[in-house]
Amino acid sequence: RLGLVDTFHHTVGHMRELVWTYGDVQMTKTSLEQIDTFRINKKDLHDKPRWRSALEVIVTHEVEGFANDELFNKLIKEKWTRFGRDLYLRTTFVPYVLLLVL
């Protein structure tokens, strides 16, 4: 929980898979299975009741070392855009407007 950003990126570097190379340019892909997942079925890792993804631990414990990290900022922004914004509007804004109308 110390926010060892360099250690995290070193570990993620070993999880990357090379997709293609063109001269000095490389395209890699990284599985988000342990970085940002929530209880995937058929995975032994996720069967453990206390298991948490890296993103969940970092957000829950507000690890400051990752505040300016590009990977985590992209993940959080993408999650907000796809899931969080709509959920937030449905659970807070819509009931508030209905309360004002009634």
N, C-alpha and C. Protein backbone atom coordinates (compact mmCIF):
# COMPACT_ATOMS: atom_id res chain seq x y z
N ARG A 1 0.80 -1.20 0.00
CA ARG A 1 0.00 0.00 0.00
C ARG A 1 0.84 1.26 0.00
N LEU A 2 2.11 1.11 -0.27
CA LEU A 2 2.98 2.27 -0.30
C LEU A 2 2.93 2.99 -1.63
N GLY A 3 2.30 2.42 -2.61
CA GLY A 3 2.21 3.07 -3.91
C GLY A 3 3.51 2.98 -4.69
N LEU A 4 4.08 1.81 -4.77
CA LEU A 4 5.33 1.61 -5.48
C LEU A 4 5.06 1.56 -6.98
N VAL A 5 4.96 2.74 -7.58
CA VAL A 5 4.59 2.87 -8.98
C VAL A 5 5.58 2.16 -9.88
N ASP A 6 6.87 2.34 -9.61
CA ASP A 6 7.90 1.71 -10.44
C ASP A 6 7.80 0.18 -10.39
N THR A 7 7.56 -0.36 -9.21
CA THR A 7 7.42 -1.80 -9.06
C THR A 7 6.19 -2.30 -9.81
N PHE A 8 5.11 -1.55 -9.72
CA PHE A 8 3.90 -1.92 -10.43
C PHE A 8 4.15 -1.95 -11.93
N HIS A 9 4.77 -0.91 -12.48
CA HIS A 9 5.02 -0.86 -13.92
C HIS A 9 6.02 -1.93 -14.37
N HIS A 10 6.95 -2.28 -13.50
CA HIS A 10 7.87 -3.36 -13.81
C HIS A 10 7.10 -4.68 -13.94
N THR A 11 6.17 -4.91 -13.01
CA THR A 11 5.36 -6.13 -13.05
C THR A 11 4.45 -6.14 -14.27
N VAL A 12 3.83 -5.02 -14.58
CA VAL A 12 2.96 -4.93 -15.75
C VAL A 12 3.78 -5.15 -17.02
N GLY A 13 5.03 -4.70 -17.03
CA GLY A 13 5.89 -4.91 -18.19
C GLY A 13 6.08 -6.37 -18.50
N HIS A 14 6.09 -7.22 -17.48
CA HIS A 14 6.22 -8.66 -17.69
C HIS A 14 4.91 -9.31 -18.12
N MET A 15 3.80 -8.60 -17.92
CA MET A 15 2.49 -9.13 -18.31
C MET A 15 2.15 -8.75 -19.75
N ARG A 16 2.94 -7.88 -20.36
CA ARG A 16 2.64 -7.42 -21.72
C ARG A 16 2.99 -8.48 -22.75
N GLU A 17 2.23 -8.43 -23.84
CA GLU A 17 2.45 -9.36 -24.94
C GLU A 17 2.68 -8.54 -26.21
N LEU A 18 3.77 -8.84 -26.91
CA LEU A 18 4.10 -8.13 -28.14
C LEU A 18 3.13 -8.53 -29.25
N VAL A 19 2.51 -7.53 -29.88
CA VAL A 19 1.55 -7.79 -30.95
C VAL A 19 2.23 -7.67 -32.30
N TRP A 20 2.94 -6.55 -32.54
CA TRP A 20 3.67 -6.38 -33.79
C TRP A 20 4.81 -5.40 -33.61
N THR A 21 5.76 -5.46 -34.52
CA THR A 21 6.91 -4.56 -34.53
C THR A 21 7.09 -4.03 -35.95
N TYR A 22 7.37 -2.74 -36.05
CA TYR A 22 7.67 -2.11 -37.33
C TYR A 22 8.84 -1.17 -37.10
N GLY A 23 10.03 -1.64 -37.42
CA GLY A 23 11.24 -0.85 -37.13
C GLY A 23 11.43 -0.71 -35.64
N ASP A 24 11.50 0.53 -35.17
CA ASP A 24 11.68 0.79 -33.73
C ASP A 24 10.35 0.85 -32.98
N VAL A 25 9.25 0.81 -33.69
CA VAL A 25 7.94 0.94 -33.07
C VAL A 25 7.38 -0.44 -32.75
N GLN A 26 6.85 -0.58 -31.52
CA GLN A 26 6.26 -1.84 -31.10
C GLN A 26 4.85 -1.60 -30.57
N MET A 27 3.99 -2.56 -30.81
CA MET A 27 2.64 -2.52 -30.27
C MET A 27 2.52 -3.68 -29.30
N THR A 28 2.15 -3.37 -28.05
CA THR A 28 1.98 -4.42 -27.06
C THR A 28 0.56 -4.34 -26.51
N LYS A 29 0.12 -5.45 -25.94
CA LYS A 29 -1.17 -5.45 -25.26
C LYS A 29 -0.97 -6.01 -23.86
N THR A 30 -1.75 -5.50 -22.96
CA THR A 30 -1.66 -5.90 -21.56
C THR A 30 -3.02 -6.39 -21.10
N SER A 31 -3.06 -7.56 -20.53
CA SER A 31 -4.30 -8.09 -19.99
C SER A 31 -4.68 -7.31 -18.74
N LEU A 32 -5.92 -6.93 -18.65
CA LEU A 32 -6.40 -6.20 -17.48
C LEU A 32 -6.93 -7.15 -16.40
N GLU A 33 -6.68 -8.42 -16.56
CA GLU A 33 -7.24 -9.45 -15.69
C GLU A 33 -6.93 -9.22 -14.21
N GLN A 34 -5.74 -8.78 -13.89
CA GLN A 34 -5.40 -8.54 -12.49
C GLN A 34 -5.34 -7.05 -12.17
N ILE A 35 -5.36 -6.21 -13.18
CA ILE A 35 -5.27 -4.77 -12.95
C ILE A 35 -6.64 -4.18 -12.69
N ASP A 36 -7.62 -4.54 -13.50
CA ASP A 36 -8.95 -3.96 -13.39
C ASP A 36 -10.01 -4.99 -13.75
N THR A 37 -10.38 -5.80 -12.81
CA THR A 37 -11.44 -6.77 -13.03
C THR A 37 -12.29 -6.85 -11.78
N PHE A 38 -13.45 -7.38 -11.93
CA PHE A 38 -14.31 -7.60 -10.78
C PHE A 38 -14.96 -8.97 -10.91
N ARG A 39 -14.41 -9.91 -10.21
CA ARG A 39 -14.98 -11.24 -10.09
C ARG A 39 -15.33 -11.90 -11.41
N ILE A 40 -14.32 -12.24 -12.18
CA ILE A 40 -14.53 -12.98 -13.42
C ILE A 40 -14.76 -14.44 -13.08
N ASN A 41 -15.81 -15.01 -13.61
CA ASN A 41 -16.07 -16.43 -13.37
C ASN A 41 -15.02 -17.26 -14.09
N LYS A 42 -14.81 -18.45 -13.61
CA LYS A 42 -13.88 -19.42 -14.19
C LYS A 42 -12.43 -19.03 -13.99
N LYS A 43 -12.14 -18.16 -13.06
CA LYS A 43 -10.75 -17.79 -12.74
C LYS A 43 -10.50 -18.13 -11.28
N ASP A 44 -9.48 -18.95 -11.03
CA ASP A 44 -9.17 -19.35 -9.66
C ASP A 44 -8.84 -18.15 -8.78
N LEU A 45 -8.17 -17.16 -9.36
CA LEU A 45 -7.77 -15.98 -8.60
C LEU A 45 -8.98 -15.26 -8.03
N HIS A 46 -10.07 -15.19 -8.80
CA HIS A 46 -11.23 -14.42 -8.39
C HIS A 46 -12.18 -15.19 -7.48
N ASP A 47 -11.89 -16.45 -7.23
CA ASP A 47 -12.72 -17.24 -6.33
C ASP A 47 -12.46 -16.90 -4.87
N LYS A 48 -11.36 -16.26 -4.59
CA LYS A 48 -11.01 -15.93 -3.21
C LYS A 48 -11.84 -14.71 -2.78
N PRO A 49 -12.56 -14.81 -1.66
CA PRO A 49 -13.48 -13.74 -1.27
C PRO A 49 -12.80 -12.41 -0.98
N ARG A 50 -11.55 -12.41 -0.55
CA ARG A 50 -10.87 -11.16 -0.22
C ARG A 50 -10.01 -10.62 -1.36
N TRP A 51 -10.09 -11.24 -2.53
CA TRP A 51 -9.28 -10.81 -3.66
C TRP A 51 -9.76 -9.46 -4.17
N ARG A 52 -8.82 -8.54 -4.47
CA ARG A 52 -9.14 -7.23 -5.02
C ARG A 52 -8.21 -6.93 -6.18
N SER A 53 -8.71 -6.25 -7.19
CA SER A 53 -7.86 -5.86 -8.32
C SER A 53 -6.96 -4.72 -7.89
N ALA A 54 -5.91 -4.50 -8.66
CA ALA A 54 -4.97 -3.42 -8.34
C ALA A 54 -5.68 -2.08 -8.34
N LEU A 55 -6.53 -1.84 -9.31
CA LEU A 55 -7.25 -0.57 -9.38
C LEU A 55 -8.13 -0.37 -8.16
N GLU A 56 -8.80 -1.42 -7.73
CA GLU A 56 -9.67 -1.33 -6.57
C GLU A 56 -8.88 -0.99 -5.31
N VAL A 57 -7.73 -1.61 -5.12
CA VAL A 57 -6.89 -1.34 -3.95
C VAL A 57 -6.38 0.10 -3.98
N ILE A 58 -5.94 0.56 -5.15
CA ILE A 58 -5.38 1.90 -5.26
C ILE A 58 -6.44 2.96 -5.02
N VAL A 59 -7.63 2.77 -5.55
CA VAL A 59 -8.71 3.75 -5.35
C VAL A 59 -9.21 3.71 -3.92
N THR A 60 -9.41 2.52 -3.36
CA THR A 60 -9.93 2.39 -2.00
C THR A 60 -8.99 3.03 -0.98
N HIS A 61 -7.70 2.83 -1.14
CA HIS A 61 -6.73 3.33 -0.17
C HIS A 61 -6.12 4.66 -0.57
N GLU A 62 -6.61 5.25 -1.67
CA GLU A 62 -6.16 6.56 -2.13
C GLU A 62 -4.64 6.67 -2.17
N VAL A 63 -4.01 5.75 -2.87
CA VAL A 63 -2.56 5.72 -2.98
C VAL A 63 -2.11 6.88 -3.86
N GLU A 64 -1.46 7.86 -3.26
CA GLU A 64 -1.09 9.10 -3.95
C GLU A 64 -0.08 8.90 -5.06
N GLY A 65 0.73 7.87 -4.96
CA GLY A 65 1.76 7.63 -5.96
C GLY A 65 1.20 7.39 -7.36
N PHE A 66 -0.06 6.99 -7.44
CA PHE A 66 -0.68 6.71 -8.72
C PHE A 66 -1.56 7.85 -9.22
N ALA A 67 -1.61 8.96 -8.50
CA ALA A 67 -2.48 10.08 -8.87
C ALA A 67 -2.16 10.62 -10.25
N ASN A 68 -0.91 10.66 -10.63
CA ASN A 68 -0.52 11.19 -11.94
C ASN A 68 -0.10 10.09 -12.91
N ASP A 69 -0.45 8.86 -12.60
CA ASP A 69 -0.05 7.74 -13.45
C ASP A 69 -0.97 7.66 -14.67
N GLU A 70 -0.39 7.64 -15.84
CA GLU A 70 -1.16 7.67 -17.09
C GLU A 70 -2.06 6.46 -17.24
N LEU A 71 -1.57 5.26 -16.94
CA LEU A 71 -2.37 4.04 -17.08
C LEU A 71 -3.61 4.09 -16.20
N PHE A 72 -3.44 4.44 -14.94
CA PHE A 72 -4.58 4.46 -14.03
C PHE A 72 -5.54 5.59 -14.34
N ASN A 73 -5.04 6.74 -14.74
CA ASN A 73 -5.94 7.83 -15.12
C ASN A 73 -6.78 7.46 -16.34
N LYS A 74 -6.18 6.75 -17.30
CA LYS A 74 -6.95 6.29 -18.47
C LYS A 74 -8.01 5.28 -18.06
N LEU A 75 -7.64 4.34 -17.19
CA LEU A 75 -8.61 3.33 -16.74
C LEU A 75 -9.77 3.97 -16.00
N ILE A 76 -9.48 4.89 -15.10
CA ILE A 76 -10.52 5.53 -14.31
C ILE A 76 -11.42 6.38 -15.22
N LYS A 77 -10.82 7.11 -16.15
CA LYS A 77 -11.61 7.94 -17.06
C LYS A 77 -12.51 7.06 -17.93
N GLU A 78 -11.97 5.95 -18.42
CA GLU A 78 -12.76 5.04 -19.26
C GLU A 78 -13.91 4.41 -18.46
N LYS A 79 -13.63 4.01 -17.21
CA LYS A 79 -14.69 3.42 -16.38
C LYS A 79 -15.77 4.46 -16.08
N TRP A 80 -15.37 5.70 -15.82
CA TRP A 80 -16.34 6.75 -15.55
C TRP A 80 -17.21 7.00 -16.78
N THR A 81 -16.58 7.07 -17.95
CA THR A 81 -17.31 7.35 -19.18
C THR A 81 -18.28 6.23 -19.52
N ARG A 82 -17.86 4.98 -19.38
CA ARG A 82 -18.70 3.85 -19.77
C ARG A 82 -19.74 3.47 -18.73
N PHE A 83 -19.39 3.56 -17.44
CA PHE A 83 -20.28 3.03 -16.41
C PHE A 83 -20.68 4.06 -15.36
N GLY A 84 -19.74 4.76 -14.82
CA GLY A 84 -19.96 5.62 -13.66
C GLY A 84 -20.88 6.79 -13.90
N ARG A 85 -20.71 7.48 -15.00
CA ARG A 85 -21.50 8.68 -15.27
C ARG A 85 -22.99 8.35 -15.33
N ASP A 86 -23.36 7.33 -16.10
CA ASP A 86 -24.77 6.95 -16.21
C ASP A 86 -25.33 6.48 -14.87
N LEU A 87 -24.56 5.68 -14.16
CA LEU A 87 -25.00 5.20 -12.85
C LEU A 87 -25.19 6.36 -11.88
N TYR A 88 -24.26 7.30 -11.90
CA TYR A 88 -24.35 8.47 -11.03
C TYR A 88 -25.60 9.28 -11.34
N LEU A 89 -25.85 9.52 -12.62
CA LEU A 89 -27.03 10.29 -13.00
C LEU A 89 -28.32 9.59 -12.62
N ARG A 90 -28.37 8.27 -12.81
CA ARG A 90 -29.58 7.52 -12.47
C ARG A 90 -29.84 7.47 -10.98
N THR A 91 -28.79 7.38 -10.19
CA THR A 91 -28.99 7.21 -8.74
C THR A 91 -29.04 8.52 -7.97
N THR A 92 -28.58 9.62 -8.53
CA THR A 92 -28.60 10.88 -7.79
C THR A 92 -29.38 11.98 -8.49
N PHE A 93 -29.07 12.23 -9.73
CA PHE A 93 -29.68 13.37 -10.42
C PHE A 93 -31.16 13.14 -10.73
N VAL A 94 -31.50 12.01 -11.28
CA VAL A 94 -32.89 11.72 -11.65
C VAL A 94 -33.81 11.72 -10.42
N PRO A 95 -33.46 11.03 -9.32
CA PRO A 95 -34.32 11.11 -8.13
C PRO A 95 -34.45 12.53 -7.58
N TYR A 96 -33.38 13.31 -7.66
CA TYR A 96 -33.42 14.68 -7.18
C TYR A 96 -34.39 15.52 -8.02
N VAL A 97 -34.36 15.37 -9.34
CA VAL A 97 -35.28 16.09 -10.22
C VAL A 97 -36.72 15.65 -9.95
N LEU A 98 -36.95 14.37 -9.77
CA LEU A 98 -38.28 13.88 -9.46
C LEU A 98 -38.78 14.44 -8.14
N LEU A 99 -37.90 14.56 -7.17
CA LEU A 99 -38.27 15.14 -5.87
C LEU A 99 -38.66 16.60 -6.05
N LEU A 100 -37.96 17.34 -6.87
CA LEU A 100 -38.29 18.75 -7.11
C LEU A 100 -39.61 18.89 -7.85
N VAL A 101 -39.87 17.99 -8.80
CA VAL A 101 -41.11 18.05 -9.57
C VAL A 101 -42.31 17.73 -8.70
N LEU A 102 -42.19 16.75 -7.83
CA LEU A 102 -43.31 16.34 -6.99
C LEU A 102 -43.45 17.34 -5.87
